[in-house]
C-alpha atoms as a PDB file:
ATOM      1  CA  MET A   1      -0.217  -0.215  -0.083  1.00  0.00           C
ATOM      2  CA  ALA A   2       2.579   2.572   0.267  1.00  0.00           C
ATOM      3  CA  GLY A   3       4.862   1.350  -2.800  1.00  0.00           C
ATOM      4  CA  ALA A   4       1.437   2.328  -4.364  1.00  0.00           C
ATOM      5  CA  ALA A   5       1.206   5.853  -2.602  1.00  0.00           C
ATOM      6  CA  SER A   6       4.734   6.543  -3.208  1.00  0.00           C
ATOM      7  CA  LEU A   7       3.634   5.310  -6.998  1.00  0.00           C
ATOM      8  CA  ARG A   8       0.913   7.526  -6.743  1.00  0.00           C
ATOM      9  CA  GLY A   9       2.333  10.393  -5.117  1.00  0.00           C
ATOM     10  CA  ALA A  10       5.355  10.390  -7.798  1.00  0.00           C
ATOM     11  CA  ALA A  11       3.006  10.199 -10.539  1.00  0.00           C
ATOM     12  CA  LEU A  12       1.152  13.459  -9.368  1.00  0.00           C
ATOM     13  CA  THR A  13       4.010  15.693  -8.711  1.00  0.00           C
ATOM     14  CA  LEU A  14       5.361  14.696 -12.660  1.00  0.00           C
ATOM     15  CA  ALA A  15       1.985  15.614 -13.922  1.00  0.00           C
ATOM     16  CA  GLY A  16       2.291  18.760 -12.169  1.00  0.00           C
ATOM     17  CA  ALA A  17       5.346  19.606 -13.261  1.00  0.00           C
ATOM     18  CA  THR A  18       4.846  18.512 -16.511  1.00  0.00           C
ATOM     19  CA  LEU A  19       2.081  21.156 -16.751  1.00  0.00           C
ATOM     20  CA  TRP A  20       4.260  23.957 -15.120  1.00  0.00           C
ATOM     21  CA  GLY A  21       5.967  23.652 -18.202  1.00  0.00           C
ATOM     22  CA  PHE A  22       3.136  23.735 -20.583  1.00  0.00           C
ATOM     23  CA  SER A  23       2.429  27.014 -18.848  1.00  0.00           C
ATOM     24  CA  GLY A  24       5.370  28.573 -19.721  1.00  0.00           C
ATOM     25  CA  ALA A  25       5.328  27.144 -23.340  1.00  0.00           C
ATOM     26  CA  SER A  26       1.696  29.111 -23.232  1.00  0.00           C
ATOM     27  CA  SER A  27       2.978  32.284 -22.129  1.00  0.00           C
ATOM     28  CA  GLN A  28       5.656  32.376 -24.502  1.00  0.00           C
ATOM     29  CA  TYR A  29       2.722  31.242 -27.333  1.00  0.00           C
ATOM     30  CA  VAL A  30       0.235  34.409 -25.686  1.00  0.00           C
ATOM     31  CA  LEU A  31       3.515  36.592 -25.393  1.00  0.00           C
ATOM     32  CA  ALA A  32       4.226  36.046 -29.407  1.00  0.00           C
ATOM     33  CA  GLN A  33       1.414  36.959 -30.354  1.00  0.00           C
ATOM     34  CA  GLY A  34       2.068  40.610 -29.025  1.00  0.00           C
ATOM     35  CA  ALA A  35       0.272  40.436 -25.218  1.00  0.00           C
ATOM     36  CA  ASP A  36       2.360  42.164 -22.708  1.00  0.00           C
ATOM     37  CA  PRO A  37       4.278  40.412 -19.614  1.00  0.00           C
ATOM     38  CA  THR A  38       2.103  42.517 -17.043  1.00  0.00           C
ATOM     39  CA  PHE A  39      -1.043  41.318 -18.501  1.00  0.00           C
ATOM     40  CA  VAL A  40      -0.766  37.500 -19.198  1.00  0.00           C
ATOM     41  CA  THR A  41       0.626  37.619 -15.693  1.00  0.00           C
ATOM     42  CA  ALA A  42      -2.688  39.319 -14.257  1.00  0.00           C
ATOM     43  CA  MET A  43      -4.625  37.127 -15.937  1.00  0.00           C
ATOM     44  CA  ARG A  44      -2.663  34.075 -15.084  1.00  0.00           C
ATOM     45  CA  MET A  45      -3.017  35.172 -11.589  1.00  0.00           C
ATOM     46  CA  LEU A  46      -6.365  36.309 -11.726  1.00  0.00           C
ATOM     47  CA  CYS A  47      -7.525  32.689 -13.105  1.00  0.00           C
ATOM     48  CA  ALA A  48      -5.824  30.829 -11.292  1.00  0.00           C
ATOM     49  CA  GLY A  49      -6.759  32.997  -7.748  1.00  0.00           C
ATOM     50  CA  ALA A  50     -10.373  32.711  -8.398  1.00  0.00           C
ATOM     51  CA  LEU A  51     -10.418  29.317  -8.856  1.00  0.00           C
ATOM     52  CA  PHE A  52      -8.363  28.415  -5.579  1.00  0.00           C
ATOM     53  CA  LEU A  53     -10.626  31.121  -3.804  1.00  0.00           C
ATOM     54  CA  ALA A  54     -13.371  29.069  -5.067  1.00  0.00           C
ATOM     55  CA  PHE A  55     -11.997  26.056  -4.173  1.00  0.00           C
ATOM     56  CA  LEU A  56     -11.011  26.927  -0.250  1.00  0.00           C
ATOM     57  CA  ALA A  57     -15.064  28.201   0.146  1.00  0.00           C
ATOM     58  CA  VAL A  58     -16.361  25.195  -0.981  1.00  0.00           C
ATOM     59  CA  ARG A  59     -13.523  22.388   0.511  1.00  0.00           C
ATOM     60  CA  ARG A  60     -11.588  24.448   3.324  1.00  0.00           C
ATOM     61  CA  ARG A  61     -13.977  27.111   4.616  1.00  0.00           C
ATOM     62  CA  ASP A  62     -11.946  26.686   8.047  1.00  0.00           C
ATOM     63  CA  VAL A  63      -8.749  28.228   6.638  1.00  0.00           C
ATOM     64  CA  LEU A  64     -10.812  31.721   5.333  1.00  0.00           C
ATOM     65  CA  ALA A  65     -12.242  31.989   8.508  1.00  0.00           C
ATOM     66  CA  ARG A  66      -8.919  31.376  10.984  1.00  0.00           C
ATOM     67  CA  VAL A  67      -6.961  33.723   8.795  1.00  0.00           C
ATOM     68  CA  PHE A  68      -9.184  36.635   8.089  1.00  0.00           C
ATOM     69  CA  ALA A  69      -9.772  36.265  12.363  1.00  0.00           C
ATOM     70  CA  ASP A  70      -6.168  37.575  12.659  1.00  0.00           C
ATOM     71  CA  ARG A  71      -4.162  40.518  11.045  1.00  0.00           C
ATOM     72  CA  ARG A  72      -1.108  39.030  11.640  1.00  0.00           C
ATOM     73  CA  THR A  73      -1.827  36.244   9.325  1.00  0.00           C
ATOM     74  CA  VAL A  74      -3.550  39.073   6.748  1.00  0.00           C
ATOM     75  CA  GLY A  75       0.072  40.626   6.775  1.00  0.00           C
ATOM     76  CA  ARG A  76       2.008  37.699   6.603  1.00  0.00           C
ATOM     77  CA  PHE A  77      -0.206  36.563   3.394  1.00  0.00           C
ATOM     78  CA  ALA A  78       0.044  39.891   2.059  1.00  0.00           C
ATOM     79  CA  VAL A  79       3.511  39.814   2.256  1.00  0.00           C
ATOM     80  CA  PHE A  80       3.507  36.637   0.519  1.00  0.00           C
ATOM     81  CA  GLY A  81       1.101  37.385  -2.108  1.00  0.00           C
ATOM     82  CA  PHE A  82       3.575  40.300  -3.244  1.00  0.00           C
ATOM     83  CA  GLY A  83       6.238  37.154  -3.491  1.00  0.00           C
ATOM     84  CA  LEU A  84       4.493  35.251  -5.646  1.00  0.00           C
ATOM     85  CA  LEU A  85       3.625  38.200  -7.949  1.00  0.00           C
ATOM     86  CA  GLY A  86       7.932  38.392  -8.026  1.00  0.00           C
ATOM     87  CA  SER A  87       7.728  34.851  -9.109  1.00  0.00           C
ATOM     88  CA  GLN A  88       5.327  35.310 -11.718  1.00  0.00           C
ATOM     89  CA  ILE A  89       5.976  38.341 -13.811  1.00  0.00           C
ATOM     90  CA  THR A  90       9.923  38.428 -13.476  1.00  0.00           C
ATOM     91  CA  PHE A  91       8.694  34.561 -15.274  1.00  0.00           C
ATOM     92  CA  ALA A  92       6.902  36.241 -18.014  1.00  0.00           C
ATOM     93  CA  ILE A  93       9.175  38.772 -18.266  1.00  0.00           C
ATOM     94  CA  SER A  94      12.537  36.270 -18.992  1.00  0.00           C
ATOM     95  CA  ILE A  95      10.396  34.216 -21.387  1.00  0.00           C
ATOM     96  CA  ALA A  96       9.141  37.896 -23.355  1.00  0.00           C
ATOM     97  CA  TYR A  97      13.320  38.320 -23.986  1.00  0.00           C
ATOM     98  CA  THR A  98      14.709  34.227 -24.509  1.00  0.00           C
ATOM     99  CA  ASN A  99      11.957  31.907 -24.406  1.00  0.00           C
ATOM    100  CA  ALA A 100      10.176  29.723 -22.412  1.00  0.00           C
ATOM    101  CA  GLY A 101      12.576  26.367 -22.023  1.00  0.00           C
ATOM    102  CA  THR A 102      15.274  28.839 -21.381  1.00  0.00           C
ATOM    103  CA  ALA A 103      13.561  30.777 -18.773  1.00  0.00           C
ATOM    104  CA  THR A 104      12.580  27.651 -17.212  1.00  0.00           C
ATOM    105  CA  VAL A 105      16.271  26.459 -16.358  1.00  0.00           C
ATOM    106  CA  LEU A 106      17.888  29.778 -15.788  1.00  0.00           C
ATOM    107  CA  GLN A 107      13.989  29.842 -12.715  1.00  0.00           C
ATOM    108  CA  MET A 108      16.627  26.225 -12.037  1.00  0.00           C
ATOM    109  CA  THR A 109      19.025  29.359  -9.998  1.00  0.00           C
ATOM    110  CA  GLY A 110      16.257  29.896  -7.337  1.00  0.00           C
ATOM    111  CA  SER A 111      17.560  26.681  -5.281  1.00  0.00           C
ATOM    112  CA  VAL A 112      21.236  27.756  -4.656  1.00  0.00           C
ATOM    113  CA  PHE A 113      19.387  30.604  -3.135  1.00  0.00           C
ATOM    114  CA  ILE A 114      18.026  28.904  -0.822  1.00  0.00           C
ATOM    115  CA  MET A 115      20.971  26.652  -0.120  1.00  0.00           C
ATOM    116  CA  LEU A 116      22.825  30.342   0.092  1.00  0.00           C
ATOM    117  CA  PHE A 117      19.936  31.347   2.413  1.00  0.00           C
ATOM    118  CA  VAL A 118      20.217  27.769   4.632  1.00  0.00           C
ATOM    119  CA  CYS A 119      23.519  27.514   4.743  1.00  0.00           C
ATOM    120  CA  LEU A 120      23.595  31.625   6.122  1.00  0.00           C
ATOM    121  CA  ARG A 121      20.748  31.284   8.614  1.00  0.00           C
ATOM    122  CA  ALA A 122      22.717  28.293  10.248  1.00  0.00           C
ATOM    123  CA  ARG A 123      25.943  30.068   9.632  1.00  0.00           C
ATOM    124  CA  THR A 124      27.920  27.248   8.181  1.00  0.00           C
ATOM    125  CA  ALA A 125      29.724  26.909   4.862  1.00  0.00           C
ATOM    126  CA  PRO A 126      28.498  25.043   2.172  1.00  0.00           C
ATOM    127  CA  ARG A 127      28.711  20.668   1.715  1.00  0.00           C
ATOM    128  CA  ALA A 128      31.342  19.690  -0.658  1.00  0.00           C
ATOM    129  CA  GLY A 129      27.900  18.801  -3.025  1.00  0.00           C
ATOM    130  CA  GLU A 130      26.423  22.033  -2.404  1.00  0.00           C
ATOM    131  CA  ALA A 131      29.642  23.584  -3.649  1.00  0.00           C
ATOM    132  CA  LEU A 132      29.652  22.085  -6.489  1.00  0.00           C
ATOM    133  CA  GLY A 133      25.736  22.757  -7.311  1.00  0.00           C
ATOM    134  CA  LEU A 134      26.737  26.505  -6.732  1.00  0.00           C
ATOM    135  CA  ALA A 135      29.196  26.122  -9.693  1.00  0.00           C
ATOM    136  CA  ALA A 136      27.268  24.033 -11.683  1.00  0.00           C
ATOM    137  CA  ALA A 137      24.585  26.311 -11.589  1.00  0.00           C
ATOM    138  CA  LEU A 138      26.814  29.398 -12.337  1.00  0.00           C
ATOM    139  CA  ALA A 139      28.981  27.192 -15.361  1.00  0.00           C
ATOM    140  CA  ALA A 140      25.157  26.248 -16.748  1.00  0.00           C
ATOM    141  CA  THR A 141      23.894  30.171 -16.716  1.00  0.00           C
ATOM    142  CA  TYR A 142      27.130  31.071 -18.179  1.00  0.00           C
ATOM    143  CA  LEU A 143      26.977  28.431 -20.952  1.00  0.00           C
ATOM    144  CA  ILE A 144      23.192  29.269 -21.999  1.00  0.00           C
ATOM    145  CA  ALA A 145      24.433  33.018 -22.220  1.00  0.00           C
ATOM    146  CA  THR A 146      27.113  32.666 -24.498  1.00  0.00           C
ATOM    147  CA  GLN A 147      26.097  29.293 -26.252  1.00  0.00           C
ATOM    148  CA  GLY A 148      29.601  27.874 -25.432  1.00  0.00           C
ATOM    149  CA  ASP A 149      31.330  31.261 -27.105  1.00  0.00           C
ATOM    150  CA  PHE A 150      32.740  32.406 -23.847  1.00  0.00           C
ATOM    151  CA  GLY A 151      34.073  35.274 -25.484  1.00  0.00           C
ATOM    152  CA  ALA A 152      30.636  36.759 -26.029  1.00  0.00           C
ATOM    153  CA  LEU A 153      26.891  37.237 -24.953  1.00  0.00           C
ATOM    154  CA  ARG A 154      24.647  35.666 -27.123  1.00  0.00           C
ATOM    155  CA  LEU A 155      21.329  35.769 -24.920  1.00  0.00           C
ATOM    156  CA  PRO A 156      19.797  39.390 -24.466  1.00  0.00           C
ATOM    157  CA  VAL A 157      21.294  40.044 -21.676  1.00  0.00           C
ATOM    158  CA  GLU A 158      18.012  41.825 -19.938  1.00  0.00           C
ATOM    159  CA  GLY A 159      17.216  37.983 -20.617  1.00  0.00           C
ATOM    160  CA  VAL A 160      19.774  36.192 -18.602  1.00  0.00           C
ATOM    161  CA  LEU A 161      19.246  38.622 -16.001  1.00  0.00           C
ATOM    162  CA  TRP A 162      15.515  39.069 -15.419  1.00  0.00           C
ATOM    163  CA  GLY A 163      15.839  34.686 -15.213  1.00  0.00           C
ATOM    164  CA  VAL A 164      17.908  34.580 -12.771  1.00  0.00           C
ATOM    165  CA  ALA A 165      15.769  37.380 -10.955  1.00  0.00           C
ATOM    166  CA  ASN A 166      13.075  34.980 -11.464  1.00  0.00           C
ATOM    167  CA  GLY A 167      15.380  32.864  -9.552  1.00  0.00           C
ATOM    168  CA  LEU A 168      15.688  35.165  -6.126  1.00  0.00           C
ATOM    169  CA  ALA A 169      11.899  36.214  -6.293  1.00  0.00           C
ATOM    170  CA  VAL A 170      11.234  31.994  -6.051  1.00  0.00           C
ATOM    171  CA  ALA A 171      13.395  31.759  -3.458  1.00  0.00           C
ATOM    172  CA  LEU A 172      12.295  34.265  -1.823  1.00  0.00           C
ATOM    173  CA  TYR A 173       8.574  32.799  -1.782  1.00  0.00           C
ATOM    174  CA  VAL A 174       9.612  30.127  -0.975  1.00  0.00           C
ATOM    175  CA  VAL A 175      11.634  30.454   2.060  1.00  0.00           C
ATOM    176  CA  TYR A 176       8.615  33.106   3.379  1.00  0.00           C
ATOM    177  CA  PRO A 177       5.662  30.986   3.773  1.00  0.00           C
ATOM    178  CA  LYS A 178       8.143  27.948   5.597  1.00  0.00           C
ATOM    179  CA  GLU A 179       9.916  30.334   7.736  1.00  0.00           C
ATOM    180  CA  SER A 180       6.880  32.928   8.755  1.00  0.00           C
ATOM    181  CA  GLY A 181       4.355  29.099   9.664  1.00  0.00           C
ATOM    182  CA  LEU A 182       1.860  29.540   6.888  1.00  0.00           C
ATOM    183  CA  PHE A 183       2.533  25.996   5.144  1.00  0.00           C
ATOM    184  CA  GLU A 184       2.765  24.227   8.222  1.00  0.00           C
ATOM    185  CA  ARG A 185      -0.592  26.278   9.818  1.00  0.00           C
ATOM    186  CA  PHE A 186      -2.469  25.679   6.877  1.00  0.00           C
ATOM    187  CA  GLY A 187      -0.696  23.482   4.576  1.00  0.00           C
ATOM    188  CA  GLY A 188       0.376  24.020   0.943  1.00  0.00           C
ATOM    189  CA  LEU A 189      -2.222  24.104  -1.544  1.00  0.00           C
ATOM    190  CA  ALA A 190      -4.127  26.777   1.330  1.00  0.00           C
ATOM    191  CA  THR A 191      -1.023  28.851   1.671  1.00  0.00           C
ATOM    192  CA  THR A 192      -0.498  28.436  -1.726  1.00  0.00           C
ATOM    193  CA  GLY A 193      -4.259  29.188  -3.507  1.00  0.00           C
ATOM    194  CA  LEU A 194      -4.426  32.357  -0.650  1.00  0.00           C
ATOM    195  CA  GLY A 195      -1.489  33.889  -1.734  1.00  0.00           C
ATOM    196  CA  MET A 196      -2.134  33.994  -5.465  1.00  0.00           C
ATOM    197  CA  ALA A 197      -5.169  35.600  -4.477  1.00  0.00           C
ATOM    198  CA  VAL A 198      -3.357  38.196  -3.028  1.00  0.00           C
ATOM    199  CA  GLY A 199      -0.789  37.883  -5.264  1.00  0.00           C
ATOM    200  CA  ALA A 200      -3.306  38.317  -8.318  1.00  0.00           C
ATOM    201  CA  VAL A 201      -4.583  42.295  -6.993  1.00  0.00           C
ATOM    202  CA  TYR A 202      -0.731  42.999  -6.870  1.00  0.00           C
ATOM    203  CA  ALA A 203      -0.567  41.731 -10.565  1.00  0.00           C
ATOM    204  CA  THR A 204      -3.939  43.826 -12.119  1.00  0.00           C
ATOM    205  CA  ILE A 205      -1.993  47.234 -10.143  1.00  0.00           C
ATOM    206  CA  VAL A 206       1.070  46.814 -11.380  1.00  0.00           C
ATOM    207  CA  TRP A 207      -0.490  46.172 -15.059  1.00  0.00           C
ATOM    208  CA  LEU A 208      -3.076  48.801 -15.087  1.00  0.00           C
ATOM    209  CA  VAL A 209       0.078  51.547 -13.919  1.00  0.00           C
ATOM    210  CA  ARG A 210       1.919  50.201 -16.694  1.00  0.00           C
ATOM    211  CA  ALA A 211      -1.203  50.875 -18.533  1.00  0.00           C
ATOM    212  CA  ALA A 212      -1.527  54.390 -17.659  1.00  0.00           C
ATOM    213  CA  ILE A 213       2.559  55.554 -17.675  1.00  0.00           C
ATOM    214  CA  SER A 214       2.162  54.769 -21.509  1.00  0.00           C
ATOM    215  CA  LEU A 215      -1.400  56.824 -21.682  1.00  0.00           C
ATOM    216  CA  ALA A 216       0.166  59.745 -19.728  1.00  0.00           C
ATOM    217  CA  ALA A 217       3.475  59.296 -22.039  1.00  0.00           C
ATOM    218  CA  GLY A 218       1.123  60.312 -24.855  1.00  0.00           C
ATOM    219  CA  ASP A 219       1.188  56.183 -26.551  1.00  0.00           C
ATOM    220  CA  GLY A 220      -2.256  55.150 -27.030  1.00  0.00           C
ATOM    221  CA  ALA A 221      -1.654  52.405 -28.916  1.00  0.00           C
ATOM    222  CA  GLU A 222       1.076  51.147 -26.019  1.00  0.00           C
ATOM    223  CA  ALA A 223      -1.274  51.794 -23.547  1.00  0.00           C
ATOM    224  CA  LEU A 224      -4.751  49.555 -25.550  1.00  0.00           C
ATOM    225  CA  ARG A 225      -1.818  47.034 -26.292  1.00  0.00           C
ATOM    226  CA  ILE A 226      -1.245  46.439 -23.125  1.00  0.00           C
ATOM    227  CA  VAL A 227      -4.789  46.347 -21.716  1.00  0.00           C
ATOM    228  CA  ALA A 228      -5.962  44.780 -24.814  1.00  0.00           C
ATOM    229  CA  PRO A 229      -3.508  42.838 -26.796  1.00  0.00           C
ATOM    230  CA  PRO A 230      -4.276  41.463 -29.835  1.00  0.00           C
ATOM    231  CA  LEU A 231      -4.381  38.085 -29.414  1.00  0.00           C
ATOM    232  CA  ASP A 232      -6.447  35.442 -32.040  1.00  0.00           C
ATOM    233  CA  ALA A 233      -9.028  33.008 -31.019  1.00  0.00           C
ATOM    234  CA  SER A 234      -6.394  30.760 -30.107  1.00  0.00           C
ATOM    235  CA  GLY A 235      -3.825  32.816 -28.518  1.00  0.00           C
ATOM    236  CA  TRP A 236      -6.858  33.562 -25.687  1.00  0.00           C
ATOM    237  CA  ALA A 237      -7.856  30.170 -25.257  1.00  0.00           C
ATOM    238  CA  VAL A 238      -4.269  28.816 -24.686  1.00  0.00           C
ATOM    239  CA  LEU A 239      -4.249  32.279 -22.412  1.00  0.00           C
ATOM    240  CA  ALA A 240      -7.509  31.119 -20.273  1.00  0.00           C
ATOM    241  CA  LEU A 241      -6.631  26.680 -19.937  1.00  0.00           C
ATOM    242  CA  GLY A 242      -2.800  26.661 -21.015  1.00  0.00           C
ATOM    243  CA  VAL A 243      -0.898  29.131 -19.137  1.00  0.00           C
ATOM    244  CA  GLY A 244      -4.509  30.402 -16.414  1.00  0.00           C
ATOM    245  CA  VAL A 245      -6.266  26.895 -16.084  1.00  0.00           C
ATOM    246  CA  VAL A 246      -4.278  24.013 -16.702  1.00  0.00           C
ATOM    247  CA  GLY A 247      -1.204  25.692 -16.616  1.00  0.00           C
ATOM    248  CA  THR A 248      -1.393  27.129 -12.698  1.00  0.00           C
ATOM    249  CA  PHE A 249      -4.264  26.186 -10.987  1.00  0.00           C
ATOM    250  CA  VAL A 250      -4.527  22.333 -12.149  1.00  0.00           C
ATOM    251  CA  ALA A 251      -0.604  22.079 -11.932  1.00  0.00           C
ATOM    252  CA  TYR A 252       0.203  23.700  -8.794  1.00  0.00           C
ATOM    253  CA  ALA A 253      -3.337  21.013  -7.479  1.00  0.00           C
ATOM    254  CA  LEU A 254      -1.162  18.265  -8.853  1.00  0.00           C
ATOM    255  CA  TYR A 255       2.277  18.523  -7.552  1.00  0.00           C
ATOM    256  CA  LEU A 256       1.029  19.719  -4.035  1.00  0.00           C
ATOM    257  CA  SER A 257      -0.782  16.617  -3.732  1.00  0.00           C
ATOM    258  CA  GLY A 258       1.782  14.568  -5.041  1.00  0.00           C
ATOM    259  CA  VAL A 259       4.960  16.108  -2.638  1.00  0.00           C
ATOM    260  CA  ALA A 260       2.275  15.953   0.221  1.00  0.00           C
ATOM    261  CA  ARG A 261       2.820  12.247  -0.241  1.00  0.00           C
ATOM    262  CA  VAL A 262       6.372  11.389  -1.535  1.00  0.00           C
ATOM    263  CA  GLY A 263       7.921  14.416   0.888  1.00  0.00           C
ATOM    264  CA  SER A 264       9.626  17.932  -0.188  1.00  0.00           C
ATOM    265  CA  VAL A 265      13.201  16.850  -1.251  1.00  0.00           C
ATOM    266  CA  ALA A 266      11.431  13.669  -3.839  1.00  0.00           C
ATOM    267  CA  GLY A 267       9.413  16.398  -4.908  1.00  0.00           C
ATOM    268  CA  GLY A 268      12.254  19.084  -5.837  1.00  0.00           C
ATOM    269  CA  LEU A 269      13.748  16.404  -7.830  1.00  0.00           C
ATOM    270  CA  LEU A 270      10.944  15.290  -9.488  1.00  0.00           C
ATOM    271  CA  GLY A 271       9.620  18.661 -10.644  1.00  0.00           C
ATOM    272  CA  ALA A 272      13.049  18.937 -12.654  1.00  0.00           C
ATOM    273  CA  VAL A 273      10.908  18.156 -15.500  1.00  0.00           C
ATOM    274  CA  GLU A 274       9.214  20.932 -15.663  1.00  0.00           C
ATOM    275  CA  PRO A 275      12.187  23.239 -17.494  1.00  0.00           C
ATOM    276  CA  LEU A 276      12.110  19.267 -19.638  1.00  0.00           C
ATOM    277  CA  ALA A 277       8.753  19.677 -20.613  1.00  0.00           C
ATOM    278  CA  ALA A 278       8.910  23.380 -21.390  1.00  0.00           C
ATOM    279  CA  THR A 279      11.718  22.662 -23.475  1.00  0.00           C
ATOM    280  CA  SER A 280      10.470  19.973 -25.210  1.00  0.00           C
ATOM    281  CA  LEU A 281       7.342  21.572 -26.525  1.00  0.00           C
ATOM    282  CA  SER A 282       8.902  24.990 -26.857  1.00  0.00           C
ATOM    283  CA  VAL A 283      10.481  23.195 -29.267  1.00  0.00           C
ATOM    284  CA  VAL A 284       8.011  20.647 -31.069  1.00  0.00           C
ATOM    285  CA  TRP A 285       4.533  23.111 -30.421  1.00  0.00           C
ATOM    286  CA  LEU A 286       6.482  26.407 -31.578  1.00  0.00           C
ATOM    287  CA  GLY A 287       9.199  25.906 -33.500  1.00  0.00           C
ATOM    288  CA  THR A 288      12.335  27.514 -31.018  1.00  0.00           C
ATOM    289  CA  ALA A 289      15.686  25.879 -32.007  1.00  0.00           C
ATOM    290  CA  PHE A 290      17.969  24.649 -28.994  1.00  0.00           C
ATOM    291  CA  SER A 291      21.834  24.307 -29.124  1.00  0.00           C
ATOM    292  CA  GLY A 292      23.923  22.312 -28.086  1.00  0.00           C
ATOM    293  CA  ALA A 293      25.099  24.301 -25.445  1.00  0.00           C
ATOM    294  CA  ASP A 294      21.445  25.102 -24.382  1.00  0.00           C
ATOM    295  CA  TRP A 295      21.427  21.112 -23.530  1.00  0.00           C
ATOM    296  CA  ALA A 296      24.479  20.817 -21.554  1.00  0.00           C
ATOM    297  CA  GLY A 297      23.128  23.698 -19.413  1.00  0.00           C
ATOM    298  CA  PHE A 298      20.045  22.134 -19.241  1.00  0.00           C
ATOM    299  CA  ALA A 299      21.995  19.424 -17.920  1.00  0.00           C
ATOM    300  CA  LEU A 300      24.235  21.201 -15.872  1.00  0.00           C
ATOM    301  CA  MET A 301      21.096  22.469 -13.867  1.00  0.00           C
ATOM    302  CA  LEU A 302      19.420  19.290 -13.271  1.00  0.00           C
ATOM    303  CA  ALA A 303      22.555  18.095 -11.927  1.00  0.00           C
ATOM    304  CA  MET A 304      22.688  21.016  -9.626  1.00  0.00           C
ATOM    305  CA  ILE A 305      19.267  20.362  -7.781  1.00  0.00           C
ATOM    306  CA  ALA A 306      20.302  16.198  -7.317  1.00  0.00           C
ATOM    307  CA  LEU A 307      24.172  17.875  -5.352  1.00  0.00           C
ATOM    308  CA  VAL A 308      22.078  20.613  -3.233  1.00  0.00           C
ATOM    309  CA  THR A 309      18.715  17.855  -2.489  1.00  0.00           C
ATOM    310  CA  ILE A 310      20.453  14.997  -1.932  1.00  0.00           C
ATOM    311  CA  LYS A 311      22.907  13.155   0.749  1.00  0.00           C
ATOM    312  CA  GLY A 312      21.947  16.360   2.733  1.00  0.00           C
ATOM    313  CA  PRO A 313      21.322  17.015   6.729  1.00  0.00           C
ATOM    314  CA  LYS A 314      17.353  17.392   7.005  1.00  0.00           C
ATOM    315  CA  ALA A 315      16.561  21.112   7.091  1.00  0.00           C
ATOM    316  CA  ARG A 316      19.126  21.590   4.256  1.00  0.00           C
ATOM    317  CA  THR A 317      17.620  18.939   2.413  1.00  0.00           C
ATOM    318  CA  ASP A 318      14.004  20.043   3.208  1.00  0.00           C
ATOM    319  CA  ALA A 319      14.475  24.158   1.846  1.00  0.00           C
ATOM    320  CA  ALA A 320      16.075  22.724  -1.316  1.00  0.00           C
ATOM    321  CA  GLY A 321      13.604  20.659  -2.150  1.00  0.00           C
ATOM    322  CA  GLU A 322      11.222  22.623  -2.275  1.00  0.00           C
ATOM    323  CA  GLY A 323      12.681  25.278  -4.890  1.00  0.00           C
ATOM    324  CA  ALA A 324      10.432  23.278  -6.878  1.00  0.00           C
ATOM    325  CA  ASP A 325       7.567  24.445  -5.362  1.00  0.00           C
ATOM    326  CA  ARG A 326       7.803  27.224  -7.518  1.00  0.00           C
ATOM    327  CA  ALA A 327       4.916  29.056 -10.064  1.00  0.00           C
ATOM    328  CA  GLY A 328       6.826  27.753 -12.803  1.00  0.00           C
END
């Protein structure tokens, strides 16, 4: 029975991570049609946040009552929602400058930032495997950015910077609910759902302010593009289903349900299928070209995940494993 439960948990985790990869490719599809990253982020978080709230209202009404009964808890969710916004919007911008596969691989640097945070908090140096993982992540980022030509930067510098910023944002939003006790008190699904709903409010404000700035600058066409991008029917369908419903709400529900069965360490390793899914879909569906350097960088990032997750003290492996609990 335990083996069957673990197998089911692994299947759910893999399915969720694969759907995260699908959301990345879907975001690339929508961005290529002229959507602004702030619009994509707002629509993604609004859609997923509304579905999470509906789920909690029906199945976990006690959680909502407990959260809103305590001002301090409300404040913590306000901070967590801002962190979720940071991870979502930097991911969308990174895709806009590069592609879904590259952005997702760069996002994996979040596990390194988490490992460094744990080491700083414990006031200990990284163990040998963690140091090798850090070196692998740096080498992967450099290899992807230069495409093997170490004398030149082949990717837009903005894409690399936003990708690494996304990794940092992921680390912050993963660490905060654990440190603040939100995960322990309310569970991963309820915490993520409420955080997504709060983040949707922030994302909407950012989206509308960006449009207002363009309008104030006299660029009405740009403001209109930000508010109502020129998407065709397939673009709107991919945005709603691929990015919002399936790629975020369903992906999180499956992934967190799986991690509850297999643990955060195994979940972190299984979650590494996300960049593989995003890259494969970018190649097959969107026709994105990936070089040998891209695949080598991807392999190094997978090595990094294994190095910082396996054979460490429990406190470290739990934190590193949760690095995959992200909004891919």
